[in-house]
C-alpha cells in the first residue's frame, strides 16, 4: 500500500506539474491496476513501461515482488528483510525517476 501511495504522489505531482490535465492523470492512474503498473507510471510515466533495467538496482525487484505476488502466495525469505526492502523502495520512489 505504501508503494502504491508513494507512486501515486510521484506520478500525480510530475504529471500535473508537466501540464497534463487532472482528468487524464486520474484516468491513467485508474487504468493501472497492478502495483507494478503504478510504479511504472511513477518511474517511467508509462504504466506499460519496461521496469527491468530500473528494478535491477539493489533490491527493487524483490521489493516489487513483496508488494505484488507475495501478497497472495506469501513472502519467501526473511520477512524482516522484506519490510526493509519495501521501506527502501518507498524512499527511492520519493526521489522521482530513481535512476
Protein backbone atom coordinates (compact mmCIF):
# COMPACT_ATOMS: atom_id res chain seq x y z
CA UNK A 1 0.00 0.00 0.00
CA UNK A 2 2.80 2.45 0.81
CA UNK A 3 4.50 1.74 -2.53
CA UNK A 4 1.28 2.48 -4.41
CA UNK A 5 0.62 5.62 -2.36
CA UNK A 6 4.13 6.93 -2.98
CA UNK A 7 3.90 6.03 -6.67
CA UNK A 8 0.64 7.93 -6.90
CA UNK A 9 2.10 11.01 -5.23
CA UNK A 10 5.13 10.98 -7.52
CA UNK A 11 3.14 10.38 -10.70
CA UNK A 12 0.43 12.94 -9.95
CA UNK A 13 2.91 15.64 -8.93
CA UNK A 14 5.10 15.22 -12.01
CA UNK A 15 2.24 14.82 -14.50
CA UNK A 16 0.25 17.77 -13.17
CA UNK A 17 3.36 19.97 -12.96
CA UNK A 18 4.15 18.98 -16.54
CA UNK A 19 0.78 20.26 -17.73
CA UNK A 20 -1.18 17.01 -18.05
CA UNK A 21 -4.83 17.60 -17.20
CA UNK A 22 -6.16 16.18 -13.97
CA UNK A 23 -8.76 14.07 -15.80
CA UNK A 24 -6.03 12.45 -17.93
CA UNK A 25 -3.82 11.86 -14.89
CA UNK A 26 -6.66 10.23 -12.96
CA UNK A 27 -7.68 8.12 -15.96
CA UNK A 28 -4.12 6.82 -16.43
CA UNK A 29 -3.84 6.04 -12.71
CA UNK A 30 -7.18 4.25 -12.61
CA UNK A 31 -6.23 2.15 -15.62
CA UNK A 32 -3.05 0.95 -13.88
CA UNK A 33 -4.48 -2.00 -11.98
CA UNK A 34 -1.34 -3.69 -10.66
CA UNK A 35 1.31 -2.36 -8.29
CA UNK A 36 3.95 -2.85 -10.98
CA UNK A 37 1.96 -0.68 -13.41
CA UNK A 38 1.57 2.05 -10.80
CA UNK A 39 5.30 2.01 -10.09
CA UNK A 40 5.94 2.18 -13.84
CA UNK A 41 3.82 5.34 -14.01
CA UNK A 42 5.87 6.88 -11.22
CA UNK A 43 9.22 5.84 -12.66
CA UNK A 44 8.65 5.89 -16.43
CA UNK A 45 5.41 7.85 -16.93
CA UNK A 46 4.14 4.73 -18.70
CA UNK A 47 2.05 2.06 -16.97
CA UNK A 48 3.17 -0.50 -19.55
CA UNK A 49 6.81 0.60 -19.45
CA UNK A 50 9.65 -1.89 -19.07
CA UNK A 51 10.89 -1.79 -15.47
CA UNK A 52 13.60 -4.44 -15.99
CA UNK A 53 16.54 -2.04 -16.00
CA UNK A 54 15.16 0.06 -13.17
CA UNK A 55 14.34 -2.92 -10.94
CA UNK A 56 17.78 -4.45 -11.44
CA UNK A 57 19.19 -1.87 -8.99
CA UNK A 58 19.58 -3.11 -5.43
CA UNK A 59 16.59 -5.00 -4.06
CA UNK A 60 13.91 -3.28 -6.13
CA UNK A 61 12.89 -6.48 -7.92
CA UNK A 62 12.34 -8.30 -4.62
CA UNK A 63 10.55 -5.30 -3.12
CA UNK A 64 8.12 -5.26 -6.06
CA UNK A 65 7.57 -8.98 -5.63
CA UNK A 66 6.88 -8.50 -1.92
CA UNK A 67 4.26 -5.86 -2.79
CA UNK A 68 2.83 -7.85 -5.67
CA UNK A 69 2.60 -11.59 -5.97
CA UNK A 70 3.91 -12.26 -2.45
CA UNK A 71 0.77 -10.70 -1.03
CA UNK A 72 -1.10 -13.69 -2.48
CA UNK A 73 1.37 -16.53 -2.03
CA UNK A 74 3.42 -15.37 0.96
CA UNK A 75 6.86 -13.84 1.29
CA UNK A 76 9.87 -16.02 0.61
CA UNK A 77 12.96 -15.26 2.65
CA UNK A 78 13.40 -13.20 5.77
CA UNK A 79 10.22 -11.20 6.46
CA UNK A 80 12.18 -8.52 8.35
CA UNK A 81 14.40 -8.01 5.30
CA UNK A 82 11.27 -7.89 3.13
CA UNK A 83 9.99 -4.97 5.19
CA UNK A 84 13.36 -3.24 4.90
CA UNK A 85 13.48 -3.52 1.09
CA UNK A 86 9.93 -2.20 0.76
CA UNK A 87 10.75 0.76 3.01
CA UNK A 88 13.82 1.44 0.87
CA UNK A 89 11.72 1.26 -2.30
CA UNK A 90 9.27 3.81 -0.90
CA UNK A 91 12.19 6.12 -0.13
CA UNK A 92 13.65 5.68 -3.61
CA UNK A 93 10.31 6.36 -5.28
CA UNK A 94 10.14 9.61 -3.36
CA UNK A 95 13.14 10.79 -5.33
CA UNK A 96 11.25 10.68 -8.63
CA UNK A 97 12.61 8.63 -11.52
CA UNK A 98 15.02 6.85 -9.19
CA UNK A 99 17.75 6.18 -11.73
